[in-house]
Amino acid sequence: MVRFTVLASGSKGNCTVLSCGRTRILVDAGLSCRELFRRMKLAGEEPATLNAIVITHEHQDHVNGLAVTARKLGIPVYFTEATHRAWMRWLSPRRQMTYAQWLEMVRKQAAERQAEPESPVGEIDSPDDPGETAVENSVPSAMPASADPAPEPSSDQAPSLKDDPTWLPAIEYFSAGQPFSIGDICISPFTIPHDAADPVGFVFSSEGVRLGFATDLGYIPPNVREQLRDLDLLLLESNHDLEMLRDGPYPWSVKQRVLSRVGHLSNDAASQFLAADYDGQAAYVILGHLSENNNLPELARVSAERALLGRASLLANRLLLAAQHEPLSAISF
């Protein structure tokens, strides 16, 4: 039996449990570990039975509880390499400084180097003299956005969990376009257009059942349309209503990001896909990642229903909406 349970979907946290036979995987870990476990138990899933966590991208609403959950359960985390690096950068402590602080640091370093004893007679100075380099780098265009991360511990001293927030029990890399398996579940990752390091969607296959997973994408390119065919279940983003977003409280820069081709799908974009490009094969269509500020469940549902009603071949599809604050009832095949 294949079982698909959306625990949370939205801008405050995303996570889904997929189980088949003896294999259970968590897709994203955007809730705190405690809340994630609570919702799993509400949905009839036992956290201790999870075998792995698979990550779509590094944004906080998809990885907020990742490290604690993986450590508590002692299970591997699957990323693309670029996503893993971006997640590590997000968690690694960095020392911020103003321009004035940085300039003062450079001047002190230059003064210290000039105060050092002169080179012995006959010794040739390196063409990359540190003092000259420091002076040259003092122009504003060379100012770093932030200081380098704190130095890593020496090789003879392993970092503790307290010192290394990025520590995970095990890490496995995958690449978009290259299927891989976790236990009884075959996973086909594909690239999606979103403003993250290397975002992906998935098609999960097991026991002849195919489940498509596509949220956090600004539009639906040909490669995604091709992946979302011959499915038994489709989880598709329907993030915002265009008018609510344009008239809403977000700053204009955020609105532009959401509306961009690396932002999020609107209700109109999701329904257009359902009306024009979707093959209608899925028994279930789940609308996910609905914005609490810029959408209403009723608007997302009506928009999608109109698209489905316009094509007789889609009438057998059951339309569901994933929520932010409670798990969706499990779907079994």
Protein backbone atom coordinates (compact mmCIF):
# COMPACT_ATOMS: atom_id res chain seq x y z
CA MET A 1 0.00 0.00 0.00
CA VAL A 2 1.19 3.52 -0.87
CA ARG A 3 0.21 6.26 1.57
CA PHE A 4 0.62 10.01 1.02
CA THR A 5 0.06 12.45 3.91
CA VAL A 6 0.55 16.22 3.69
CA LEU A 7 1.34 17.35 7.24
CA ALA A 8 1.65 21.07 6.40
CA SER A 9 1.74 23.21 3.29
CA GLY A 10 2.25 26.96 3.20
CA SER A 11 4.70 29.78 3.84
CA LYS A 12 5.08 28.85 7.54
CA GLY A 13 6.18 25.27 6.99
CA ASN A 14 5.99 22.37 4.55
CA CYS A 15 6.33 18.64 5.10
CA THR A 16 4.79 15.48 3.68
CA VAL A 17 5.10 11.81 4.58
CA LEU A 18 5.22 9.16 1.87
CA SER A 19 5.14 5.52 2.89
CA CYS A 20 5.22 2.26 0.99
CA GLY A 21 5.89 -1.20 2.37
CA ARG A 22 8.76 -0.90 4.82
CA THR A 23 9.89 2.53 3.59
CA ARG A 24 8.80 5.90 4.93
CA ILE A 25 10.30 9.19 3.81
CA LEU A 26 9.68 12.78 4.83
CA VAL A 27 9.58 15.31 2.00
CA ASP A 28 10.88 18.59 3.47
CA ALA A 29 11.01 19.41 7.18
CA GLY A 30 9.65 22.93 7.48
CA LEU A 31 8.00 22.47 10.88
CA SER A 32 9.78 22.30 14.19
CA CYS A 33 10.67 18.77 15.21
CA ARG A 34 8.11 18.77 18.02
CA GLU A 35 5.29 19.99 15.79
CA LEU A 36 6.28 17.63 13.00
CA PHE A 37 6.13 14.64 15.35
CA ARG A 38 2.80 15.82 16.75
CA ARG A 39 1.25 16.03 13.32
CA MET A 40 2.64 12.68 12.26
CA LYS A 41 0.96 11.05 15.24
CA LEU A 42 -2.30 12.88 14.47
CA ALA A 43 -2.11 11.43 10.97
CA GLY A 44 -1.43 7.91 12.23
CA GLU A 45 2.26 7.92 11.31
CA GLU A 46 5.00 6.96 13.75
CA PRO A 47 8.06 9.27 13.57
CA ALA A 48 10.44 6.48 14.60
CA THR A 49 9.61 4.59 11.40
CA LEU A 50 10.97 7.31 9.08
CA ASN A 51 13.88 6.13 6.95
CA ALA A 52 15.04 9.39 5.35
CA ILE A 53 14.34 13.06 4.68
CA VAL A 54 14.32 14.40 1.12
CA ILE A 55 14.67 18.16 0.58
CA THR A 56 13.27 20.18 -2.34
CA HIS A 57 15.24 23.39 -1.59
CA GLU A 58 16.82 25.33 1.24
CA HIS A 59 14.22 27.99 2.03
CA GLN A 60 13.36 28.17 5.72
CA ASP A 61 9.76 26.99 5.37
CA HIS A 62 11.12 23.72 3.98
CA VAL A 63 14.08 23.08 6.30
CA ASN A 64 13.24 24.76 9.61
CA GLY A 65 13.17 21.51 11.60
CA LEU A 66 15.57 19.55 9.43
CA ALA A 67 18.67 19.28 11.62
CA VAL A 68 16.87 18.49 14.89
CA THR A 69 14.57 15.94 13.25
CA ALA A 70 17.38 14.13 11.44
CA ARG A 71 19.51 14.01 14.60
CA LYS A 72 16.71 12.76 16.84
CA LEU A 73 15.87 9.95 14.42
CA GLY A 74 19.43 9.30 13.22
CA ILE A 75 18.35 9.20 9.58
CA PRO A 76 20.02 10.42 6.36
CA VAL A 77 19.08 13.59 4.53
CA TYR A 78 18.96 13.70 0.73
CA PHE A 79 19.83 17.02 -0.99
CA THR A 80 21.25 18.22 -4.23
CA GLU A 81 24.81 19.30 -3.49
CA ALA A 82 24.03 22.97 -4.19
CA THR A 83 21.03 22.89 -1.85
CA HIS A 84 23.11 21.35 0.92
CA ARG A 85 25.76 24.04 0.56
CA ALA A 86 23.14 26.80 0.59
CA TRP A 87 21.56 25.31 3.72
CA MET A 88 24.97 25.19 5.42
CA ARG A 89 25.64 28.83 4.55
CA TRP A 90 22.28 29.78 6.01
CA LEU A 91 23.07 28.05 9.31
CA SER A 92 26.76 28.92 9.59
CA PRO A 93 27.40 31.87 11.91
CA ARG A 94 28.81 34.94 10.20
CA ARG A 95 30.31 38.03 11.75
CA GLN A 96 28.64 41.13 10.29
CA MET A 97 30.43 44.47 10.14
CA THR A 98 29.75 47.96 8.86
CA TYR A 99 31.86 49.63 6.19
CA ALA A 100 33.53 51.83 8.81
CA GLN A 101 34.43 48.81 10.92
CA TRP A 102 35.80 46.97 7.92
CA LEU A 103 37.87 49.97 6.79
CA GLU A 104 39.31 50.41 10.28
CA MET A 105 40.23 46.70 10.36
CA VAL A 106 42.02 47.03 6.99
CA ARG A 107 43.96 50.10 8.15
CA LYS A 108 45.08 48.37 11.35
CA GLN A 109 46.22 45.34 9.40
CA ALA A 110 48.17 47.55 6.98
CA ALA A 111 49.78 49.47 9.89
CA GLU A 112 50.80 46.22 11.60
CA ARG A 113 52.42 44.93 8.44
CA GLN A 114 54.32 48.20 7.87
CA ALA A 115 55.60 48.02 11.45
CA GLU A 116 57.16 44.59 10.85
CA PRO A 117 60.99 44.45 10.49
CA GLU A 118 62.30 45.04 6.99
CA SER A 119 63.31 41.99 4.94
CA PRO A 120 66.96 40.97 5.20
CA VAL A 121 69.32 42.37 2.54
CA GLY A 122 69.22 40.28 -0.60
CA GLU A 123 65.73 38.89 0.08
CA ILE A 124 63.28 39.73 -2.69
CA ASP A 125 59.84 40.96 -1.65
CA SER A 126 56.89 39.00 -2.93
CA PRO A 127 55.06 40.82 -5.74
CA ASP A 128 51.87 40.26 -3.75
CA ASP A 129 53.03 42.28 -0.76
CA PRO A 130 50.38 42.02 1.98
CA GLY A 131 50.60 45.70 2.87
CA GLU A 132 50.04 46.81 -0.71
CA THR A 133 47.17 44.36 -1.08
CA ALA A 134 45.48 45.70 2.04
CA VAL A 135 45.74 49.28 0.81
CA GLU A 136 44.43 48.38 -2.63
CA ASN A 137 41.50 46.53 -1.12
CA SER A 138 40.44 49.51 0.96
CA VAL A 139 38.37 50.99 -1.87
CA PRO A 140 34.59 50.73 -1.31
CA SER A 141 34.03 48.42 -4.29
CA ALA A 142 35.99 45.70 -2.54
CA MET A 143 33.96 45.76 0.65
CA PRO A 144 32.51 42.33 1.47
CA ALA A 145 28.81 42.00 2.33
CA SER A 146 29.85 40.21 5.47
CA ALA A 147 32.92 38.75 7.05
CA ASP A 148 33.94 35.20 6.36
CA PRO A 149 32.33 32.46 8.47
CA ALA A 150 33.98 31.66 11.75
CA PRO A 151 37.07 29.50 11.20
CA GLU A 152 36.49 25.77 11.31
CA PRO A 153 37.99 23.77 14.17
CA SER A 154 41.37 22.21 13.52
CA SER A 155 41.37 18.75 12.00
CA ASP A 156 42.45 17.14 15.27
CA GLN A 157 39.39 18.46 17.08
CA ALA A 158 36.01 17.27 15.84
CA PRO A 159 33.26 19.92 16.13
CA SER A 160 30.57 19.32 18.70
CA LEU A 161 26.88 19.52 17.85
CA LYS A 162 26.73 22.83 19.70
CA ASP A 163 29.58 24.23 17.59
CA ASP A 164 28.30 22.86 14.29
CA PRO A 165 24.58 23.46 13.64
CA THR A 166 24.93 21.86 10.20
CA TRP A 167 25.90 18.43 11.52
CA LEU A 168 23.67 15.63 10.22
CA PRO A 169 23.81 11.86 10.86
CA ALA A 170 24.27 11.17 7.14
CA ILE A 171 24.08 13.10 3.88
CA GLU A 172 23.26 11.75 0.44
CA TYR A 173 23.42 13.77 -2.76
CA PHE A 174 21.17 13.42 -5.78
CA SER A 175 20.91 15.37 -9.04
CA ALA A 176 17.92 16.56 -11.03
CA GLY A 177 17.27 14.25 -13.96
CA GLN A 178 18.89 11.25 -12.28
CA PRO A 179 16.41 8.88 -10.57
CA PHE A 180 17.41 7.17 -7.33
CA SER A 181 15.75 4.91 -4.79
CA ILE A 182 15.19 4.89 -1.06
CA GLY A 183 14.01 1.44 -0.02
CA ASP A 184 10.81 0.61 -1.87
CA ILE A 185 10.36 4.10 -3.33
CA CYS A 186 11.85 5.27 -6.65
CA ILE A 187 12.38 9.04 -6.83
CA SER A 188 12.74 11.08 -10.02
CA PRO A 189 13.85 14.66 -9.22
CA PHE A 190 13.37 17.41 -11.79
CA THR A 191 14.44 21.05 -11.93
CA ILE A 192 11.84 23.72 -11.15
CA PRO A 193 12.08 27.53 -11.60
CA HIS A 194 12.38 29.08 -8.14
CA ASP A 195 14.75 31.54 -6.46
CA ALA A 196 16.76 28.93 -4.59
CA ALA A 197 20.15 27.34 -5.19
CA ASP A 198 18.97 24.17 -6.97
CA PRO A 199 15.22 23.64 -6.40
CA VAL A 200 13.54 20.42 -7.48
CA GLY A 201 10.18 18.73 -7.72
CA PHE A 202 9.69 14.98 -7.53
CA VAL A 203 7.84 12.08 -9.04
CA PHE A 204 7.63 9.20 -6.56
CA SER A 205 6.93 5.69 -7.84
CA SER A 206 6.16 2.51 -5.92
CA GLU A 207 3.94 -0.52 -6.49
CA GLY A 208 2.86 0.90 -9.83
CA VAL A 209 1.64 4.16 -8.25
CA ARG A 210 3.07 7.51 -9.42
CA LEU A 211 2.85 10.65 -7.27
CA GLY A 212 3.86 14.10 -8.57
CA PHE A 213 5.14 16.83 -6.26
CA ALA A 214 5.53 20.37 -7.68
CA THR A 215 5.39 23.42 -5.40
CA ASP A 216 7.48 26.60 -5.17
CA LEU A 217 7.80 27.38 -8.86
CA GLY A 218 7.24 30.62 -10.73
CA TYR A 219 5.82 29.02 -13.86
CA ILE A 220 5.46 25.56 -15.39
CA PRO A 221 8.14 25.02 -18.06
CA PRO A 222 8.06 22.15 -20.59
CA ASN A 223 10.25 19.85 -18.49
CA VAL A 224 7.83 20.12 -15.56
CA ARG A 225 4.78 19.59 -17.79
CA GLU A 226 6.41 16.44 -19.10
CA GLN A 227 7.10 15.12 -15.60
CA LEU A 228 3.53 15.72 -14.42
CA ARG A 229 1.99 13.12 -16.73
CA ASP A 230 0.58 9.66 -16.05
CA LEU A 231 0.21 10.38 -12.35
CA ASP A 232 -2.12 8.87 -9.78
CA LEU A 233 -1.76 11.92 -7.52
CA LEU A 234 -0.63 15.46 -8.23
CA LEU A 235 0.37 17.99 -5.56
CA LEU A 236 0.49 21.37 -7.32
CA GLU A 237 1.14 24.85 -5.98
CA SER A 238 -1.70 27.40 -6.04
CA ASN A 239 -0.03 30.08 -3.96
CA HIS A 240 -1.81 33.38 -4.46
CA ASP A 241 -4.69 35.29 -5.95
CA LEU A 242 -3.28 37.96 -8.24
CA GLU A 243 -5.55 40.75 -7.05
CA MET A 244 -5.06 39.94 -3.37
CA LEU A 245 -1.29 39.93 -3.83
CA ARG A 246 -1.23 43.23 -5.74
CA ASP A 247 -3.49 44.94 -3.18
CA GLY A 248 -2.01 43.20 -0.15
CA PRO A 249 0.41 44.27 2.59
CA TYR A 250 3.67 42.93 1.13
CA PRO A 251 6.38 45.42 0.08
CA TRP A 252 6.56 45.92 -3.67
CA SER A 253 9.91 44.11 -3.85
CA VAL A 254 8.34 40.99 -2.29
CA LYS A 255 5.35 41.21 -4.60
CA GLN A 256 7.70 41.34 -7.58
CA ARG A 257 9.55 38.28 -6.30
CA VAL A 258 6.35 36.26 -5.85
CA LEU A 259 5.07 37.28 -9.29
CA SER A 260 8.36 36.58 -11.05
CA ARG A 261 9.25 33.49 -13.07
CA VAL A 262 11.22 32.22 -10.06
CA GLY A 263 8.49 32.98 -7.54
CA HIS A 264 5.22 31.13 -6.94
CA LEU A 265 2.29 29.89 -9.01
CA SER A 266 -0.90 31.91 -8.81
CA ASN A 267 -4.38 30.40 -8.79
CA ASP A 268 -4.70 31.49 -12.42
CA ALA A 269 -1.44 29.81 -13.42
CA ALA A 270 -2.36 26.56 -11.68
CA SER A 271 -5.82 26.48 -13.25
CA GLN A 272 -4.38 27.31 -16.67
CA PHE A 273 -2.13 24.26 -16.39
CA LEU A 274 -5.06 22.09 -15.34
CA ALA A 275 -7.16 23.35 -18.25
CA ALA A 276 -4.56 23.25 -21.02
CA ASP A 277 -1.60 20.99 -20.21
CA TYR A 278 -2.66 18.49 -17.56
CA ASP A 279 -3.48 15.02 -18.91
CA GLY A 280 -6.21 14.35 -16.35
CA GLN A 281 -4.92 10.95 -15.25
CA ALA A 282 -4.58 11.59 -11.50
CA ALA A 283 -7.26 10.36 -9.15
CA TYR A 284 -6.34 13.19 -6.75
CA VAL A 285 -5.25 16.77 -7.38
CA ILE A 286 -4.02 18.54 -4.24
CA LEU A 287 -3.56 22.30 -4.25
CA GLY A 288 -0.69 23.27 -1.95
CA HIS A 289 1.40 26.14 -0.59
CA LEU A 290 -1.59 28.51 -0.35
CA SER A 291 -0.62 31.93 0.98
CA GLU A 292 -2.41 32.97 4.17
CA ASN A 293 -2.03 36.66 3.29
CA ASN A 294 -2.64 36.62 -0.45
CA ASN A 295 -5.10 33.80 -1.07
CA LEU A 296 -8.27 32.17 0.20
CA PRO A 297 -8.99 28.43 0.00
CA GLU A 298 -12.31 29.22 -1.68
CA LEU A 299 -10.61 31.23 -4.42
CA ALA A 300 -8.05 28.51 -5.11
CA ARG A 301 -10.73 25.82 -5.19
CA VAL A 302 -13.11 27.72 -7.47
CA SER A 303 -10.33 28.55 -9.91
CA ALA A 304 -9.21 24.91 -10.13
CA GLU A 305 -12.76 23.56 -10.30
CA ARG A 306 -13.54 25.78 -13.26
CA ALA A 307 -10.52 24.38 -15.08
CA LEU A 308 -11.52 20.79 -14.30
CA LEU A 309 -15.18 21.33 -15.22
CA GLY A 310 -14.12 22.71 -18.56
CA ARG A 311 -12.72 19.31 -19.54
CA ALA A 312 -14.98 16.31 -19.22
CA SER A 313 -11.99 13.98 -18.98
CA LEU A 314 -11.03 15.57 -15.64
CA LEU A 315 -14.33 15.14 -13.85
CA ALA A 316 -13.13 11.96 -12.15
CA ASN A 317 -10.33 13.89 -10.41
CA ARG A 318 -10.89 14.57 -6.73
CA LEU A 319 -9.76 18.08 -5.76
CA LEU A 320 -8.28 18.62 -2.28
CA LEU A 321 -6.62 21.57 -0.54
CA ALA A 322 -3.59 21.12 1.71
CA ALA A 323 -3.60 23.35 4.79
CA GLN A 324 -0.97 25.12 6.84
CA HIS A 325 -2.18 24.35 10.36
CA GLU A 326 -3.48 20.79 10.17
CA PRO A 327 -2.59 17.63 8.26
CA LEU A 328 -4.58 16.56 5.25
CA SER A 329 -6.26 13.18 5.59
CA ALA A 330 -3.96 10.44 4.32
CA ILE A 331 -4.49 9.23 0.75
CA SER A 332 -3.91 5.54 0.14
CA PHE A 333 -3.52 3.50 -3.03
